Amino acid sequence: MTTLTITLYGRYRNAAGTDTITLTIHNPHTIQDIITAFTTHYPAFTKDTTHMMITKNGILTSHTTPITPTDHIAIAPPVVSGG
């Protein structure tokens, strides 16, 4: 098991009631493992999974990006434009 601290923004932060959460994940390998754990804790955001903005060490990443326990991960909701 690996414990990761995740920084949250926008409505994710509002739902959690805090800027950071701790997720315990069994043998995480990619950003997708973090997304799966996050939506398990916050199932209302399952519909966002393909459009979440996720950074690893400050760089925007894809779901297949490998991770290590020392990476800084942040999750922000999708950006919506009106126009």
PDB file of N, CA and C in Angstrom:
ATOM      1  N   MET A   1       0.844  -1.179   0.000  1.00  0.00           N
ATOM      2  CA  MET A   1       0.000   0.000   0.000  1.00  0.00           C
ATOM      3  C   MET A   1       0.888   1.242   0.000  1.00  0.00           C
ATOM      4  N   THR A   2       0.451   2.228  -0.769  1.00  0.00           N
ATOM      5  CA  THR A   2       1.157   3.501  -0.846  1.00  0.00           C
ATOM      6  C   THR A   2       0.197   4.617  -0.460  1.00  0.00           C
ATOM      7  N   THR A   3       0.651   5.520   0.373  1.00  0.00           N
ATOM      8  CA  THR A   3      -0.155   6.665   0.764  1.00  0.00           C
ATOM      9  C   THR A   3       0.351   7.890   0.021  1.00  0.00           C
ATOM     10  N   LEU A   4      -0.563   8.550  -0.686  1.00  0.00           N
ATOM     11  CA  LEU A   4      -0.224   9.731  -1.464  1.00  0.00           C
ATOM     12  C   LEU A   4      -1.055  10.917  -0.979  1.00  0.00           C
ATOM     13  N   THR A   5      -0.443  12.075  -0.907  1.00  0.00           N
ATOM     14  CA  THR A   5      -1.164  13.299  -0.597  1.00  0.00           C
ATOM     15  C   THR A   5      -1.455  13.999  -1.915  1.00  0.00           C
ATOM     16  N   ILE A   6      -2.729  14.305  -2.142  1.00  0.00           N
ATOM     17  CA  ILE A   6      -3.185  14.892  -3.389  1.00  0.00           C
ATOM     18  C   ILE A   6      -3.712  16.298  -3.110  1.00  0.00           C
ATOM     19  N   THR A   7      -3.268  17.278  -3.892  1.00  0.00           N
ATOM     20  CA  THR A   7      -3.777  18.644  -3.789  1.00  0.00           C
ATOM     21  C   THR A   7      -5.013  18.758  -4.674  1.00  0.00           C
ATOM     22  N   LEU A   8      -6.063  19.380  -4.147  1.00  0.00           N
ATOM     23  CA  LEU A   8      -7.320  19.523  -4.872  1.00  0.00           C
ATOM     24  C   LEU A   8      -7.620  20.987  -5.155  1.00  0.00           C
ATOM     25  N   TYR A   9      -8.295  21.227  -6.285  1.00  0.00           N
ATOM     26  CA  TYR A   9      -8.702  22.573  -6.673  1.00  0.00           C
ATOM     27  C   TYR A   9     -10.185  22.587  -7.048  1.00  0.00           C
ATOM     28  N   GLY A  10     -10.752  23.787  -7.034  1.00  0.00           N
ATOM     29  CA  GLY A  10     -12.120  23.999  -7.495  1.00  0.00           C
ATOM     30  C   GLY A  10     -13.148  23.196  -6.727  1.00  0.00           C
ATOM     31  N   ARG A  11     -14.104  22.644  -7.464  1.00  0.00           N
ATOM     32  CA  ARG A  11     -15.193  21.913  -6.805  1.00  0.00           C
ATOM     33  C   ARG A  11     -14.722  20.646  -6.110  1.00  0.00           C
ATOM     34  N   TYR A  12     -13.563  20.112  -6.504  1.00  0.00           N
ATOM     35  CA  TYR A  12     -13.022  18.948  -5.798  1.00  0.00           C
ATOM     36  C   TYR A  12     -12.604  19.349  -4.384  1.00  0.00           C
ATOM     37  N   ARG A  13     -11.952  20.496  -4.268  1.00  0.00           N
ATOM     38  CA  ARG A  13     -11.566  21.007  -2.954  1.00  0.00           C
ATOM     39  C   ARG A  13     -12.815  21.291  -2.121  1.00  0.00           C
ATOM     40  N   ASN A  14     -13.827  21.880  -2.743  1.00  0.00           N
ATOM     41  CA  ASN A  14     -15.068  22.179  -2.024  1.00  0.00           C
ATOM     42  C   ASN A  14     -15.732  20.905  -1.510  1.00  0.00           C
ATOM     43  N   ALA A  15     -15.772  19.863  -2.319  1.00  0.00           N
ATOM     44  CA  ALA A  15     -16.399  18.599  -1.914  1.00  0.00           C
ATOM     45  C   ALA A  15     -15.640  17.941  -0.770  1.00  0.00           C
ATOM     46  N   ALA A  16     -14.315  18.016  -0.822  1.00  0.00           N
ATOM     47  CA  ALA A  16     -13.493  17.392   0.222  1.00  0.00           C
ATOM     48  C   ALA A  16     -13.459  18.236   1.492  1.00  0.00           C
ATOM     49  N   GLY A  17     -13.715  19.537   1.356  1.00  0.00           N
ATOM     50  CA  GLY A  17     -13.650  20.429   2.511  1.00  0.00           C
ATOM     51  C   GLY A  17     -12.234  20.756   2.940  1.00  0.00           C
ATOM     52  N   THR A  18     -11.274  20.495   2.054  1.00  0.00           N
ATOM     53  CA  THR A  18      -9.865  20.725   2.368  1.00  0.00           C
ATOM     54  C   THR A  18      -9.069  20.851   1.073  1.00  0.00           C
ATOM     55  N   ASP A  19      -7.879  21.455   1.167  1.00  0.00           N
ATOM     56  CA  ASP A  19      -7.011  21.618  -0.004  1.00  0.00           C
ATOM     57  C   ASP A  19      -6.295  20.331  -0.395  1.00  0.00           C
ATOM     58  N   THR A  20      -6.106  19.442   0.570  1.00  0.00           N
ATOM     59  CA  THR A  20      -5.381  18.196   0.288  1.00  0.00           C
ATOM     60  C   THR A  20      -6.113  17.015   0.903  1.00  0.00           C
ATOM     61  N   ILE A  21      -5.970  15.872   0.238  1.00  0.00           N
ATOM     62  CA  ILE A  21      -6.499  14.620   0.775  1.00  0.00           C
ATOM     63  C   ILE A  21      -5.382  13.587   0.726  1.00  0.00           C
ATOM     64  N   THR A  22      -5.527  12.566   1.505  1.00  0.00           N
ATOM     65  CA  THR A  22      -4.587  11.456   1.495  1.00  0.00           C
ATOM     66  C   THR A  22      -5.318  10.235   0.960  1.00  0.00           C
ATOM     67  N   LEU A  23      -4.736   9.620  -0.063  1.00  0.00           N
ATOM     68  CA  LEU A  23      -5.292   8.394  -0.631  1.00  0.00           C
ATOM     69  C   LEU A  23      -4.324   7.251  -0.393  1.00  0.00           C
ATOM     70  N   THR A  24      -4.844   6.135   0.062  1.00  0.00           N
ATOM     71  CA  THR A  24      -4.034   4.934   0.200  1.00  0.00           C
ATOM     72  C   THR A  24      -4.401   4.015  -0.955  1.00  0.00           C
ATOM     73  N   ILE A  25      -3.408   3.719  -1.764  1.00  0.00           N
ATOM     74  CA  ILE A  25      -3.629   2.963  -2.995  1.00  0.00           C
ATOM     75  C   ILE A  25      -2.718   1.749  -2.996  1.00  0.00           C
ATOM     76  N   HIS A  26      -3.288   0.618  -3.352  1.00  0.00           N
ATOM     77  CA  HIS A  26      -2.503  -0.611  -3.447  1.00  0.00           C
ATOM     78  C   HIS A  26      -1.665  -0.578  -4.720  1.00  0.00           C
ATOM     79  N   ASN A  27      -0.361  -0.458  -4.574  1.00  0.00           N
ATOM     80  CA  ASN A  27       0.590  -0.558  -5.674  1.00  0.00           C
ATOM     81  C   ASN A  27       0.258   0.358  -6.864  1.00  0.00           C
ATOM     82  N   PRO A  28       0.197   1.679  -6.674  1.00  0.00           N
ATOM     83  CA  PRO A  28      -0.126   2.574  -7.790  1.00  0.00           C
ATOM     84  C   PRO A  28       1.009   2.642  -8.810  1.00  0.00           C
ATOM     85  N   HIS A  29       0.629   2.654 -10.074  1.00  0.00           N
ATOM     86  CA  HIS A  29       1.620   2.714 -11.151  1.00  0.00           C
ATOM     87  C   HIS A  29       1.455   3.942 -12.036  1.00  0.00           C
ATOM     88  N   THR A  30       0.190   4.378 -12.234  1.00  0.00           N
ATOM     89  CA  THR A  30      -0.068   5.486 -13.154  1.00  0.00           C
ATOM     90  C   THR A  30      -1.061   6.469 -12.539  1.00  0.00           C
ATOM     91  N   ILE A  31      -1.205   7.596 -13.211  1.00  0.00           N
ATOM     92  CA  ILE A  31      -2.195   8.595 -12.814  1.00  0.00           C
ATOM     93  C   ILE A  31      -3.582   7.966 -12.769  1.00  0.00           C
ATOM     94  N   GLN A  32      -3.876   7.038 -13.652  1.00  0.00           N
ATOM     95  CA  GLN A  32      -5.192   6.384 -13.655  1.00  0.00           C
ATOM     96  C   GLN A  32      -5.492   5.721 -12.315  1.00  0.00           C
ATOM     97  N   ASP A  33      -4.498   5.157 -11.665  1.00  0.00           N
ATOM     98  CA  ASP A  33      -4.701   4.547 -10.348  1.00  0.00           C
ATOM     99  C   ASP A  33      -5.152   5.596  -9.327  1.00  0.00           C
ATOM    100  N   ILE A  34      -4.613   6.807  -9.432  1.00  0.00           N
ATOM    101  CA  ILE A  34      -5.019   7.892  -8.538  1.00  0.00           C
ATOM    102  C   ILE A  34      -6.450   8.322  -8.850  1.00  0.00           C
ATOM    103  N   ILE A  35      -6.773   8.446 -10.130  1.00  0.00           N
ATOM    104  CA  ILE A  35      -8.127   8.830 -10.533  1.00  0.00           C
ATOM    105  C   ILE A  35      -9.140   7.811 -10.022  1.00  0.00           C
ATOM    106  N   THR A  36      -8.825   6.545 -10.149  1.00  0.00           N
ATOM    107  CA  THR A  36      -9.726   5.490  -9.681  1.00  0.00           C
ATOM    108  C   THR A  36      -9.942   5.593  -8.172  1.00  0.00           C
ATOM    109  N   ALA A  37      -8.884   5.799  -7.429  1.00  0.00           N
ATOM    110  CA  ALA A  37      -9.008   5.929  -5.974  1.00  0.00           C
ATOM    111  C   ALA A  37      -9.788   7.188  -5.603  1.00  0.00           C
ATOM    112  N   PHE A  38      -9.533   8.279  -6.305  1.00  0.00           N
ATOM    113  CA  PHE A  38     -10.238   9.534  -6.034  1.00  0.00           C
ATOM    114  C   PHE A  38     -11.737   9.382  -6.274  1.00  0.00           C
ATOM    115  N   THR A  39     -12.113   8.791  -7.393  1.00  0.00           N
ATOM    116  CA  THR A  39     -13.543   8.657  -7.692  1.00  0.00           C
ATOM    117  C   THR A  39     -14.211   7.574  -6.841  1.00  0.00           C
ATOM    118  N   THR A  40     -13.456   6.688  -6.267  1.00  0.00           N
ATOM    119  CA  THR A  40     -14.017   5.737  -5.306  1.00  0.00           C
ATOM    120  C   THR A  40     -14.442   6.488  -4.046  1.00  0.00           C
ATOM    121  N   HIS A  41     -13.639   7.454  -3.627  1.00  0.00           N
ATOM    122  CA  HIS A  41     -13.956   8.267  -2.440  1.00  0.00           C
ATOM    123  C   HIS A  41     -15.003   9.339  -2.751  1.00  0.00           C
ATOM    124  N   TYR A  42     -15.008   9.832  -3.980  1.00  0.00           N
ATOM    125  CA  TYR A  42     -15.918  10.900  -4.399  1.00  0.00           C
ATOM    126  C   TYR A  42     -16.620  10.480  -5.698  1.00  0.00           C
ATOM    127  N   PRO A  43     -17.568   9.548  -5.618  1.00  0.00           N
ATOM    128  CA  PRO A  43     -18.193   8.995  -6.822  1.00  0.00           C
ATOM    129  C   PRO A  43     -18.958  10.015  -7.663  1.00  0.00           C
ATOM    130  N   ALA A  44     -19.334  11.138  -7.100  1.00  0.00           N
ATOM    131  CA  ALA A  44     -20.030  12.164  -7.883  1.00  0.00           C
ATOM    132  C   ALA A  44     -19.166  12.695  -9.022  1.00  0.00           C
ATOM    133  N   PHE A  45     -17.858  12.519  -8.920  1.00  0.00           N
ATOM    134  CA  PHE A  45     -16.955  13.045  -9.936  1.00  0.00           C
ATOM    135  C   PHE A  45     -16.536  12.003 -10.973  1.00  0.00           C
ATOM    136  N   THR A  46     -17.150  10.844 -10.955  1.00  0.00           N
ATOM    137  CA  THR A  46     -16.816   9.795 -11.927  1.00  0.00           C
ATOM    138  C   THR A  46     -17.002  10.295 -13.351  1.00  0.00           C
ATOM    139  N   LYS A  47     -18.010  11.125 -13.587  1.00  0.00           N
ATOM    140  CA  LYS A  47     -18.265  11.639 -14.936  1.00  0.00           C
ATOM    141  C   LYS A  47     -17.150  12.561 -15.433  1.00  0.00           C
ATOM    142  N   ASP A  48     -16.327  13.064 -14.524  1.00  0.00           N
ATOM    143  CA  ASP A  48     -15.240  13.975 -14.898  1.00  0.00           C
ATOM    144  C   ASP A  48     -13.952  13.263 -15.307  1.00  0.00           C
ATOM    145  N   THR A  49     -13.869  11.969 -15.125  1.00  0.00           N
ATOM    146  CA  THR A  49     -12.568  11.294 -15.202  1.00  0.00           C
ATOM    147  C   THR A  49     -11.811  11.504 -16.503  1.00  0.00           C
ATOM    148  N   THR A  50     -12.486  11.602 -17.619  1.00  0.00           N
ATOM    149  CA  THR A  50     -11.753  11.763 -18.878  1.00  0.00           C
ATOM    150  C   THR A  50     -11.284  13.196 -19.108  1.00  0.00           C
ATOM    151  N   HIS A  51     -11.795  14.141 -18.302  1.00  0.00           N
ATOM    152  CA  HIS A  51     -11.454  15.542 -18.528  1.00  0.00           C
ATOM    153  C   HIS A  51     -10.777  16.220 -17.343  1.00  0.00           C
ATOM    154  N   MET A  52     -10.502  15.478 -16.277  1.00  0.00           N
ATOM    155  CA  MET A  52      -9.816  16.065 -15.126  1.00  0.00           C
ATOM    156  C   MET A  52      -8.460  16.612 -15.555  1.00  0.00           C
ATOM    157  N   MET A  53      -8.088  17.733 -14.960  1.00  0.00           N
ATOM    158  CA  MET A  53      -6.759  18.280 -15.200  1.00  0.00           C
ATOM    159  C   MET A  53      -5.871  17.818 -14.055  1.00  0.00           C
ATOM    160  N   ILE A  54      -4.863  17.022 -14.371  1.00  0.00           N
ATOM    161  CA  ILE A  54      -4.008  16.432 -13.345  1.00  0.00           C
ATOM    162  C   ILE A  54      -2.559  16.792 -13.631  1.00  0.00           C
ATOM    163  N   THR A  55      -1.890  17.272 -12.584  1.00  0.00           N
ATOM    164  CA  THR A  55      -0.472  17.572 -12.737  1.00  0.00           C
ATOM    165  C   THR A  55       0.353  16.641 -11.861  1.00  0.00           C
ATOM    166  N   LYS A  56       1.513  16.342 -12.361  1.00  0.00           N
ATOM    167  CA  LYS A  56       2.518  15.565 -11.619  1.00  0.00           C
ATOM    168  C   LYS A  56       3.740  16.464 -11.539  1.00  0.00           C
ATOM    169  N   ASN A  57       4.087  16.837 -10.318  1.00  0.00           N
ATOM    170  CA  ASN A  57       5.233  17.725 -10.103  1.00  0.00           C
ATOM    171  C   ASN A  57       5.109  19.013 -10.924  1.00  0.00           C
ATOM    172  N   GLY A  58       3.874  19.530 -11.016  1.00  0.00           N
ATOM    173  CA  GLY A  58       3.625  20.799 -11.682  1.00  0.00           C
ATOM    174  C   GLY A  58       3.460  20.742 -13.185  1.00  0.00           C
ATOM    175  N   ILE A  59       3.490  19.549 -13.765  1.00  0.00           N
ATOM    176  CA  ILE A  59       3.370  19.402 -15.217  1.00  0.00           C
ATOM    177  C   ILE A  59       2.095  18.626 -15.537  1.00  0.00           C
ATOM    178  N   LEU A  60       1.279  19.160 -16.461  1.00  0.00           N
ATOM    179  CA  LEU A  60       0.050  18.498 -16.877  1.00  0.00           C
ATOM    180  C   LEU A  60       0.370  17.112 -17.420  1.00  0.00           C
ATOM    181  N   THR A  61      -0.411  16.113 -17.003  1.00  0.00           N
ATOM    182  CA  THR A  61      -0.105  14.729 -17.354  1.00  0.00           C
ATOM    183  C   THR A  61      -1.299  14.042 -18.004  1.00  0.00           C
ATOM    184  N   SER A  62      -1.044  12.838 -18.506  1.00  0.00           N
ATOM    185  CA  SER A  62      -2.114  11.991 -19.036  1.00  0.00           C
ATOM    186  C   SER A  62      -2.391  10.870 -18.039  1.00  0.00           C
ATOM    187  N   HIS A  63      -3.440  10.125 -18.278  1.00  0.00           N
ATOM    188  CA  HIS A  63      -3.829   9.035 -17.385  1.00  0.00           C
ATOM    189  C   HIS A  63      -2.798   7.911 -17.354  1.00  0.00           C
ATOM    190  N   THR A  64      -1.985   7.807 -18.384  1.00  0.00           N
ATOM    191  CA  THR A  64      -1.004   6.717 -18.460  1.00  0.00           C
ATOM    192  C   THR A  64       0.369   7.101 -17.909  1.00  0.00           C
ATOM    193  N   THR A  65       0.493   8.321 -17.405  1.00  0.00           N
ATOM    194  CA  THR A  65       1.772   8.784 -16.866  1.00  0.00           C
ATOM    195  C   THR A  65       2.159   7.975 -15.631  1.00  0.00           C
ATOM    196  N   PRO A  66       3.375   7.420 -15.607  1.00  0.00           N
ATOM    197  CA  PRO A  66       3.824   6.672 -14.424  1.00  0.00           C
ATOM    198  C   PRO A  66       3.990   7.608 -13.226  1.00  0.00           C
ATOM    199  N   ILE A  67       3.813   7.059 -12.028  1.00  0.00           N
ATOM    200  CA  ILE A  67       3.976   7.838 -10.801  1.00  0.00           C
ATOM    201  C   ILE A  67       4.884   7.105  -9.822  1.00  0.00           C
ATOM    202  N   THR A  68       5.424   7.884  -8.888  1.00  0.00           N
ATOM    203  CA  THR A  68       6.189   7.330  -7.781  1.00  0.00           C
ATOM    204  C   THR A  68       5.605   7.905  -6.490  1.00  0.00           C
ATOM    205  N   PRO A  69       5.865   7.293  -5.358  1.00  0.00           N
ATOM    206  CA  PRO A  69       5.311   7.800  -4.095  1.00  0.00           C
ATOM    207  C   PRO A  69       5.759   9.219  -3.733  1.00  0.00           C
ATOM    208  N   THR A  70       6.844   9.704  -4.316  1.00  0.00           N
ATOM    209  CA  THR A  70       7.343  11.035  -3.979  1.00  0.00           C
ATOM    210  C   THR A  70       6.819  12.132  -4.906  1.00  0.00           C
ATOM    211  N   ASP A  71       6.050  11.779  -5.924  1.00  0.00           N
ATOM    212  CA  ASP A  71       5.510  12.783  -6.841  1.00  0.00           C
ATOM    213  C   ASP A  71       4.464  13.654  -6.155  1.00  0.00           C
ATOM    214  N   HIS A  72       4.417  14.922  -6.535  1.00  0.00           N
ATOM    215  CA  HIS A  72       3.367  15.824  -6.069  1.00  0.00           C
ATOM    216  C   HIS A  72       2.263  15.801  -7.116  1.00  0.00           C
ATOM    217  N   ILE A  73       1.068  15.373  -6.722  1.00  0.00           N
ATOM    218  CA  ILE A  73      -0.061  15.237  -7.634  1.00  0.00           C
ATOM    219  C   ILE A  73      -1.126  16.261  -7.256  1.00  0.00           C
ATOM    220  N   ALA A  74      -1.688  16.926  -8.259  1.00  0.00           N
ATOM    221  CA  ALA A  74      -2.790  17.864  -8.042  1.00  0.00           C
ATOM    222  C   ALA A  74      -3.887  17.553  -9.047  1.00  0.00           C
ATOM    223  N   ILE A  75      -5.141  17.668  -8.606  1.00  0.00           N
ATOM    224  CA  ILE A  75      -6.293  17.387  -9.454  1.00  0.00           C
ATOM    225  C   ILE A  75      -7.194  18.614  -9.469  1.00  0.00           C
ATOM    226  N   ALA A  76      -7.538  19.066 -10.691  1.00  0.00           N
ATOM    227  CA  ALA A  76      -8.462  20.187 -10.872  1.00  0.00           C
ATOM    228  C   ALA A  76      -9.602  19.719 -11.776  1.00  0.00           C
ATOM    229  N   PRO A  77     -10.786  20.298 -11.598  1.00  0.00           N
ATOM    230  CA  PRO A  77     -11.905  19.910 -12.440  1.00  0.00           C
ATOM    231  C   PRO A  77     -11.698  20.392 -13.880  1.00  0.00           C
ATOM    232  N   PRO A  78     -12.464  19.826 -14.812  1.00  0.00           N
ATOM    233  CA  PRO A  78     -12.365  20.255 -16.206  1.00  0.00           C
ATOM    234  C   PRO A  78     -12.684  21.744 -16.324  1.00  0.00           C
ATOM    235  N   VAL A  79     -12.015  22.394 -17.260  1.00  0.00           N
ATOM    236  CA  VAL A  79     -12.281  23.804 -17.536  1.00  0.00           C
ATOM    237  C   VAL A  79     -13.370  23.853 -18.587  1.00  0.00           C
ATOM    238  N   VAL A  80     -14.389  24.672 -18.337  1.00  0.00           N
ATOM    239  CA  VAL A  80     -15.499  24.793 -19.265  1.00  0.00           C
ATOM    240  C   VAL A  80     -15.509  26.211 -19.805  1.00  0.00           C
ATOM    241  N   SER A  81     -15.645  26.314 -21.104  1.00  0.00           N
ATOM    242  CA  SER A  81     -15.668  27.622 -21.740  1.00  0.00           C
ATOM    243  C   SER A  81     -17.076  27.921 -22.248  1.00  0.00           C
ATOM    244  N   GLY A  82     -17.474  29.143 -22.136  1.00  0.00           N
ATOM    245  CA  GLY A  82     -18.798  29.531 -22.581  1.00  0.00           C
ATOM    246  C   GLY A  82     -18.803  30.178 -23.957  1.00  0.00           C
ATOM    247  N   GLY A  83     -17.683  30.135 -24.601  1.00  0.00           N
ATOM    248  CA  GLY A  83     -17.698  30.671 -25.800  1.00  0.00           C
ATOM    249  C   GLY A  83     -17.306  31.169 -26.963  1.00  0.00           C
TER     250      GLY A  83
END
